[in-house]
Amino acid sequence: MMGGNEMDNANKEWLKIPNEIRNQLIRNVWCATCSDVVKITNYVIQSHKLGIILDGKCGTCGQEVSRIIEK
């Protein structure tokens, strides 16, 4: 489980990305079940050694999906 400070840092990194780019990233997540690019919903932002990860649900089928956003 990630501590509050790590979550705050991940959120700060996410908010550094311009809003237009964040929206593009949210709408450009691969879903293996749909075999297509989908919009991620109900996501949480987490720190990762490569940058940050969005963990959430496929907006089409509801399966779990993730998007890594590298530093």
PDB file of N, CA and C in Angstrom:
ATOM      1  N   MET A   1       0.844  -1.177   0.000  1.00  0.00           N
ATOM      2  CA  MET A   1       0.000   0.000   0.000  1.00  0.00           C
ATOM      3  C   MET A   1       0.889   1.239   0.000  1.00  0.00           C
ATOM      4  N   MET A   2       0.519   2.215  -0.793  1.00  0.00           N
ATOM      5  CA  MET A   2       1.306   3.422  -0.921  1.00  0.00           C
ATOM      6  C   MET A   2       0.918   4.420   0.161  1.00  0.00           C
ATOM      7  N   GLY A   3       1.912   5.094   0.721  1.00  0.00           N
ATOM      8  CA  GLY A   3       1.643   6.105   1.735  1.00  0.00           C
ATOM      9  C   GLY A   3       1.099   7.380   1.120  1.00  0.00           C
ATOM     10  N   GLY A   4       0.519   8.233   1.951  1.00  0.00           N
ATOM     11  CA  GLY A   4      -0.087   9.470   1.489  1.00  0.00           C
ATOM     12  C   GLY A   4       0.892  10.387   0.780  1.00  0.00           C
ATOM     13  N   ASN A   5       2.137  10.437   1.257  1.00  0.00           N
ATOM     14  CA  ASN A   5       3.130  11.310   0.647  1.00  0.00           C
ATOM     15  C   ASN A   5       3.441  10.884  -0.785  1.00  0.00           C
ATOM     16  N   GLU A   6       3.554   9.597  -1.038  1.00  0.00           N
ATOM     17  CA  GLU A   6       3.810   9.094  -2.386  1.00  0.00           C
ATOM     18  C   GLU A   6       2.644   9.414  -3.310  1.00  0.00           C
ATOM     19  N   MET A   7       1.422   9.283  -2.799  1.00  0.00           N
ATOM     20  CA  MET A   7       0.244   9.598  -3.597  1.00  0.00           C
ATOM     21  C   MET A   7       0.219  11.088  -3.916  1.00  0.00           C
ATOM     22  N   ASP A   8       0.567  11.928  -2.941  1.00  0.00           N
ATOM     23  CA  ASP A   8       0.618  13.369  -3.170  1.00  0.00           C
ATOM     24  C   ASP A   8       1.638  13.702  -4.248  1.00  0.00           C
ATOM     25  N   ASN A   9       2.807  13.067  -4.179  1.00  0.00           N
ATOM     26  CA  ASN A   9       3.851  13.307  -5.172  1.00  0.00           C
ATOM     27  C   ASN A   9       3.407  12.869  -6.560  1.00  0.00           C
ATOM     28  N   ALA A  10       2.747  11.728  -6.655  1.00  0.00           N
ATOM     29  CA  ALA A  10       2.254  11.249  -7.943  1.00  0.00           C
ATOM     30  C   ALA A  10       1.223  12.220  -8.499  1.00  0.00           C
ATOM     31  N   ASN A  11       0.338  12.702  -7.648  1.00  0.00           N
ATOM     32  CA  ASN A  11      -0.685  13.649  -8.089  1.00  0.00           C
ATOM     33  C   ASN A  11      -0.044  14.966  -8.549  1.00  0.00           C
ATOM     34  N   LYS A  12       0.974  15.430  -7.843  1.00  0.00           N
ATOM     35  CA  LYS A  12       1.673  16.654  -8.242  1.00  0.00           C
ATOM     36  C   LYS A  12       2.320  16.488  -9.609  1.00  0.00           C
ATOM     37  N   GLU A  13       2.950  15.326  -9.838  1.00  0.00           N
ATOM     38  CA  GLU A  13       3.563  15.060 -11.145  1.00  0.00           C
ATOM     39  C   GLU A  13       2.499  15.041 -12.244  1.00  0.00           C
ATOM     40  N   TRP A  14       1.357  14.426 -11.959  1.00  0.00           N
ATOM     41  CA  TRP A  14       0.249  14.352 -12.917  1.00  0.00           C
ATOM     42  C   TRP A  14      -0.234  15.762 -13.260  1.00  0.00           C
ATOM     43  N   LEU A  15      -0.376  16.600 -12.265  1.00  0.00           N
ATOM     44  CA  LEU A  15      -0.891  17.952 -12.484  1.00  0.00           C
ATOM     45  C   LEU A  15       0.110  18.862 -13.192  1.00  0.00           C
ATOM     46  N   LYS A  16       1.386  18.484 -13.225  1.00  0.00           N
ATOM     47  CA  LYS A  16       2.388  19.245 -13.983  1.00  0.00           C
ATOM     48  C   LYS A  16       2.177  19.090 -15.487  1.00  0.00           C
ATOM     49  N   ILE A  17       1.508  18.011 -15.885  1.00  0.00           N
ATOM     50  CA  ILE A  17       1.248  17.762 -17.300  1.00  0.00           C
ATOM     51  C   ILE A  17       0.102  18.680 -17.727  1.00  0.00           C
ATOM     52  N   PRO A  18       0.246  19.382 -18.853  1.00  0.00           N
ATOM     53  CA  PRO A  18      -0.836  20.265 -19.303  1.00  0.00           C
ATOM     54  C   PRO A  18      -2.163  19.504 -19.447  1.00  0.00           C
ATOM     55  N   ASN A  19      -3.258  20.181 -19.119  1.00  0.00           N
ATOM     56  CA  ASN A  19      -4.592  19.577 -19.113  1.00  0.00           C
ATOM     57  C   ASN A  19      -4.927  18.881 -20.432  1.00  0.00           C
ATOM     58  N   GLU A  20      -4.612  19.508 -21.553  1.00  0.00           N
ATOM     59  CA  GLU A  20      -4.910  18.915 -22.863  1.00  0.00           C
ATOM     60  C   GLU A  20      -4.187  17.581 -23.035  1.00  0.00           C
ATOM     61  N   ILE A  21      -2.929  17.521 -22.604  1.00  0.00           N
ATOM     62  CA  ILE A  21      -2.142  16.285 -22.708  1.00  0.00           C
ATOM     63  C   ILE A  21      -2.703  15.229 -21.751  1.00  0.00           C
ATOM     64  N   ARG A  22      -3.066  15.630 -20.517  1.00  0.00           N
ATOM     65  CA  ARG A  22      -3.671  14.672 -19.573  1.00  0.00           C
ATOM     66  C   ARG A  22      -4.926  14.062 -20.179  1.00  0.00           C
ATOM     67  N   ASN A  23      -5.759  14.871 -20.807  1.00  0.00           N
ATOM     68  CA  ASN A  23      -6.979  14.351 -21.436  1.00  0.00           C
ATOM     69  C   ASN A  23      -6.659  13.373 -22.554  1.00  0.00           C
ATOM     70  N   GLN A  24      -5.618  13.649 -23.328  1.00  0.00           N
ATOM     71  CA  GLN A  24      -5.205  12.720 -24.390  1.00  0.00           C
ATOM     72  C   GLN A  24      -4.733  11.397 -23.795  1.00  0.00           C
ATOM     73  N   LEU A  25      -3.968  11.465 -22.698  1.00  0.00           N
ATOM     74  CA  LEU A  25      -3.474  10.250 -22.047  1.00  0.00           C
ATOM     75  C   LEU A  25      -4.625   9.413 -21.491  1.00  0.00           C
ATOM     76  N   ILE A  26      -5.615  10.063 -20.904  1.00  0.00           N
ATOM     77  CA  ILE A  26      -6.780   9.363 -20.347  1.00  0.00           C
ATOM     78  C   ILE A  26      -7.551   8.640 -21.449  1.00  0.00           C
ATOM     79  N   ARG A  27      -7.592   9.225 -22.636  1.00  0.00           N
ATOM     80  CA  ARG A  27      -8.350   8.628 -23.750  1.00  0.00           C
ATOM     81  C   ARG A  27      -7.506   7.682 -24.599  1.00  0.00           C
ATOM     82  N   ASN A  28      -6.272   7.412 -24.174  1.00  0.00           N
ATOM     83  CA  ASN A  28      -5.373   6.595 -24.981  1.00  0.00           C
ATOM     84  C   ASN A  28      -4.747   5.486 -24.133  1.00  0.00           C
ATOM     85  N   VAL A  29      -5.596   4.563 -23.666  1.00  0.00           N
ATOM     86  CA  VAL A  29      -5.166   3.445 -22.817  1.00  0.00           C
ATOM     87  C   VAL A  29      -5.540   2.149 -23.517  1.00  0.00           C
ATOM     88  N   TRP A  30      -4.630   1.210 -23.554  1.00  0.00           N
ATOM     89  CA  TRP A  30      -4.889  -0.073 -24.215  1.00  0.00           C
ATOM     90  C   TRP A  30      -5.664  -1.007 -23.299  1.00  0.00           C
ATOM     91  N   CYS A  31      -6.736  -1.583 -23.814  1.00  0.00           N
ATOM     92  CA  CYS A  31      -7.494  -2.609 -23.096  1.00  0.00           C
ATOM     93  C   CYS A  31      -7.305  -3.933 -23.824  1.00  0.00           C
ATOM     94  N   ALA A  32      -6.734  -4.919 -23.142  1.00  0.00           N
ATOM     95  CA  ALA A  32      -6.493  -6.229 -23.743  1.00  0.00           C
ATOM     96  C   ALA A  32      -7.799  -6.960 -24.026  1.00  0.00           C
ATOM     97  N   THR A  33      -8.822  -6.736 -23.221  1.00  0.00           N
ATOM     98  CA  THR A  33     -10.105  -7.402 -23.427  1.00  0.00           C
ATOM     99  C   THR A  33     -10.784  -6.871 -24.688  1.00  0.00           C
ATOM    100  N   CYS A  34     -10.786  -5.557 -24.851  1.00  0.00           N
ATOM    101  CA  CYS A  34     -11.410  -4.936 -26.029  1.00  0.00           C
ATOM    102  C   CYS A  34     -10.494  -4.995 -27.254  1.00  0.00           C
ATOM    103  N   SER A  35      -9.205  -5.260 -27.038  1.00  0.00           N
ATOM    104  CA  SER A  35      -8.190  -5.199 -28.098  1.00  0.00           C
ATOM    105  C   SER A  35      -8.264  -3.868 -28.834  1.00  0.00           C
ATOM    106  N   ASP A  36      -8.328  -2.798 -28.041  1.00  0.00           N
ATOM    107  CA  ASP A  36      -8.470  -1.472 -28.625  1.00  0.00           C
ATOM    108  C   ASP A  36      -7.997  -0.417 -27.622  1.00  0.00           C
ATOM    109  N   VAL A  37      -7.833   0.779 -28.121  1.00  0.00           N
ATOM    110  CA  VAL A  37      -7.516   1.932 -27.288  1.00  0.00           C
ATOM    111  C   VAL A  37      -8.829   2.466 -26.726  1.00  0.00           C
ATOM    112  N   VAL A  38      -8.841   2.718 -25.422  1.00  0.00           N
ATOM    113  CA  VAL A  38     -10.068   3.128 -24.739  1.00  0.00           C
ATOM    114  C   VAL A  38      -9.778   4.295 -23.802  1.00  0.00           C
ATOM    115  N   LYS A  39     -10.839   4.817 -23.197  1.00  0.00           N
ATOM    116  CA  LYS A  39     -10.719   5.838 -22.158  1.00  0.00           C
ATOM    117  C   LYS A  39     -10.690   5.127 -20.807  1.00  0.00           C
ATOM    118  N   ILE A  40      -9.750   5.524 -19.953  1.00  0.00           N
ATOM    119  CA  ILE A  40      -9.679   4.965 -18.604  1.00  0.00           C
ATOM    120  C   ILE A  40     -10.633   5.745 -17.699  1.00  0.00           C
ATOM    121  N   THR A  41     -11.366   5.029 -16.847  1.00  0.00           N
ATOM    122  CA  THR A  41     -12.282   5.660 -15.901  1.00  0.00           C
ATOM    123  C   THR A  41     -11.949   5.186 -14.491  1.00  0.00           C
ATOM    124  N   ASN A  42     -12.458   5.891 -13.517  1.00  0.00           N
ATOM    125  CA  ASN A  42     -12.281   5.521 -12.101  1.00  0.00           C
ATOM    126  C   ASN A  42     -10.824   5.211 -11.775  1.00  0.00           C
ATOM    127  N   TYR A  43      -9.926   6.055 -12.257  1.00  0.00           N
ATOM    128  CA  TYR A  43      -8.499   5.770 -12.084  1.00  0.00           C
ATOM    129  C   TYR A  43      -7.926   6.437 -10.843  1.00  0.00           C
ATOM    130  N   VAL A  44      -6.856   5.828 -10.348  1.00  0.00           N
ATOM    131  CA  VAL A  44      -6.043   6.405  -9.280  1.00  0.00           C
ATOM    132  C   VAL A  44      -4.644   6.616  -9.846  1.00  0.00           C
ATOM    133  N   ILE A  45      -3.960   7.590  -9.308  1.00  0.00           N
ATOM    134  CA  ILE A  45      -2.623   7.950  -9.770  1.00  0.00           C
ATOM    135  C   ILE A  45      -1.621   7.442  -8.748  1.00  0.00           C
ATOM    136  N   GLN A  46      -0.612   6.699  -9.234  1.00  0.00           N
ATOM    137  CA  GLN A  46       0.371   6.111  -8.335  1.00  0.00           C
ATOM    138  C   GLN A  46       1.777   6.398  -8.837  1.00  0.00           C
ATOM    139  N   SER A  47       2.704   6.522  -7.900  1.00  0.00           N
ATOM    140  CA  SER A  47       4.116   6.674  -8.253  1.00  0.00           C
ATOM    141  C   SER A  47       4.668   5.350  -8.760  1.00  0.00           C
ATOM    142  N   HIS A  48       5.622   5.438  -9.672  1.00  0.00           N
ATOM    143  CA  HIS A  48       6.305   4.270 -10.209  1.00  0.00           C
ATOM    144  C   HIS A  48       7.736   4.693 -10.509  1.00  0.00           C
ATOM    145  N   LYS A  49       8.653   3.755 -10.505  1.00  0.00           N
ATOM    146  CA  LYS A  49      10.058   4.103 -10.753  1.00  0.00           C
ATOM    147  C   LYS A  49      10.262   4.743 -12.125  1.00  0.00           C
ATOM    148  N   LEU A  50       9.373   4.465 -13.080  1.00  0.00           N
ATOM    149  CA  LEU A  50       9.480   5.054 -14.411  1.00  0.00           C
ATOM    150  C   LEU A  50       8.774   6.397 -14.528  1.00  0.00           C
ATOM    151  N   GLY A  51       7.892   6.704 -13.583  1.00  0.00           N
ATOM    152  CA  GLY A  51       7.121   7.946 -13.636  1.00  0.00           C
ATOM    153  C   GLY A  51       5.883   7.817 -12.772  1.00  0.00           C
ATOM    154  N   ILE A  52       4.713   7.825 -13.419  1.00  0.00           N
ATOM    155  CA  ILE A  52       3.455   7.613 -12.706  1.00  0.00           C
ATOM    156  C   ILE A  52       2.603   6.614 -13.473  1.00  0.00           C
ATOM    157  N   ILE A  53       1.674   5.987 -12.765  1.00  0.00           N
ATOM    158  CA  ILE A  53       0.765   5.014 -13.372  1.00  0.00           C
ATOM    159  C   ILE A  53      -0.660   5.435 -13.064  1.00  0.00           C
ATOM    160  N   LEU A  54      -1.516   5.331 -14.086  1.00  0.00           N
ATOM    161  CA  LEU A  54      -2.951   5.461 -13.894  1.00  0.00           C
ATOM    162  C   LEU A  54      -3.512   4.048 -13.851  1.00  0.00           C
ATOM    163  N   ASP A  55      -4.112   3.652 -12.752  1.00  0.00           N
ATOM    164  CA  ASP A  55      -4.763   2.348 -12.617  1.00  0.00           C
ATOM    165  C   ASP A  55      -6.259   2.596 -12.530  1.00  0.00           C
ATOM    166  N   GLY A  56      -7.025   1.965 -13.422  1.00  0.00           N
ATOM    167  CA  GLY A  56      -8.463   2.189 -13.410  1.00  0.00           C
ATOM    168  C   GLY A  56      -9.214   1.136 -14.204  1.00  0.00           C
ATOM    169  N   LYS A  57     -10.329   1.552 -14.763  1.00  0.00           N
ATOM    170  CA  LYS A  57     -11.219   0.648 -15.496  1.00  0.00           C
ATOM    171  C   LYS A  57     -11.348   1.098 -16.943  1.00  0.00           C
ATOM    172  N   CYS A  58     -11.533   0.137 -17.826  1.00  0.00           N
ATOM    173  CA  CYS A  58     -11.813   0.413 -19.230  1.00  0.00           C
ATOM    174  C   CYS A  58     -13.191   1.076 -19.313  1.00  0.00           C
ATOM    175  N   GLY A  59     -13.263   2.183 -20.028  1.00  0.00           N
ATOM    176  CA  GLY A  59     -14.521   2.885 -20.192  1.00  0.00           C
ATOM    177  C   GLY A  59     -15.515   2.142 -21.057  1.00  0.00           C
ATOM    178  N   THR A  60     -15.064   1.099 -21.772  1.00  0.00           N
ATOM    179  CA  THR A  60     -15.942   0.333 -22.650  1.00  0.00           C
ATOM    180  C   THR A  60     -16.457  -0.935 -21.980  1.00  0.00           C
ATOM    181  N   CYS A  61     -15.540  -1.747 -21.429  1.00  0.00           N
ATOM    182  CA  CYS A  61     -15.959  -3.051 -20.894  1.00  0.00           C
ATOM    183  C   CYS A  61     -15.856  -3.164 -19.370  1.00  0.00           C
ATOM    184  N   GLY A  62     -15.157  -2.228 -18.725  1.00  0.00           N
ATOM    185  CA  GLY A  62     -15.042  -2.254 -17.271  1.00  0.00           C
ATOM    186  C   GLY A  62     -13.878  -3.062 -16.721  1.00  0.00           C
ATOM    187  N   GLN A  63     -13.083  -3.700 -17.588  1.00  0.00           N
ATOM    188  CA  GLN A  63     -11.925  -4.453 -17.116  1.00  0.00           C
ATOM    189  C   GLN A  63     -10.866  -3.509 -16.568  1.00  0.00           C
ATOM    190  N   GLU A  64      -9.996  -4.021 -15.714  1.00  0.00           N
ATOM    191  CA  GLU A  64      -8.901  -3.212 -15.170  1.00  0.00           C
ATOM    192  C   GLU A  64      -7.889  -2.907 -16.268  1.00  0.00           C
ATOM    193  N   VAL A  65      -7.459  -1.637 -16.317  1.00  0.00           N
ATOM    194  CA  VAL A  65      -6.447  -1.201 -17.264  1.00  0.00           C
ATOM    195  C   VAL A  65      -5.476  -0.282 -16.536  1.00  0.00           C
ATOM    196  N   SER A  66      -4.290  -0.109 -17.112  1.00  0.00           N
ATOM    197  CA  SER A  66      -3.279   0.772 -16.552  1.00  0.00           C
ATOM    198  C   SER A  66      -2.591   1.525 -17.669  1.00  0.00           C
ATOM    199  N   ARG A  67      -2.101   2.705 -17.322  1.00  0.00           N
ATOM    200  CA  ARG A  67      -1.327   3.512 -18.266  1.00  0.00           C
ATOM    201  C   ARG A  67      -0.098   4.026 -17.535  1.00  0.00           C
ATOM    202  N   ILE A  68       1.089   3.712 -18.048  1.00  0.00           N
ATOM    203  CA  ILE A  68       2.331   4.224 -17.483  1.00  0.00           C
ATOM    204  C   ILE A  68       2.682   5.513 -18.214  1.00  0.00           C
ATOM    205  N   ILE A  69       2.993   6.531 -17.443  1.00  0.00           N
ATOM    206  CA  ILE A  69       3.421   7.804 -18.017  1.00  0.00           C
ATOM    207  C   ILE A  69       4.841   8.026 -17.524  1.00  0.00           C
ATOM    208  N   GLU A  70       5.782   7.873 -18.455  1.00  0.00           N
ATOM    209  CA  GLU A  70       7.198   7.959 -18.101  1.00  0.00           C
ATOM    210  C   GLU A  70       7.621   9.398 -17.860  1.00  0.00           C
ATOM    211  N   LYS A  71       8.626   9.535 -17.009  1.00  0.00           N
ATOM    212  CA  LYS A  71       9.186  10.864 -16.705  1.00  0.00           C
ATOM    213  C   LYS A  71       9.868  11.433 -17.917  1.00  0.00           C
TER     214      LYS A  71
END
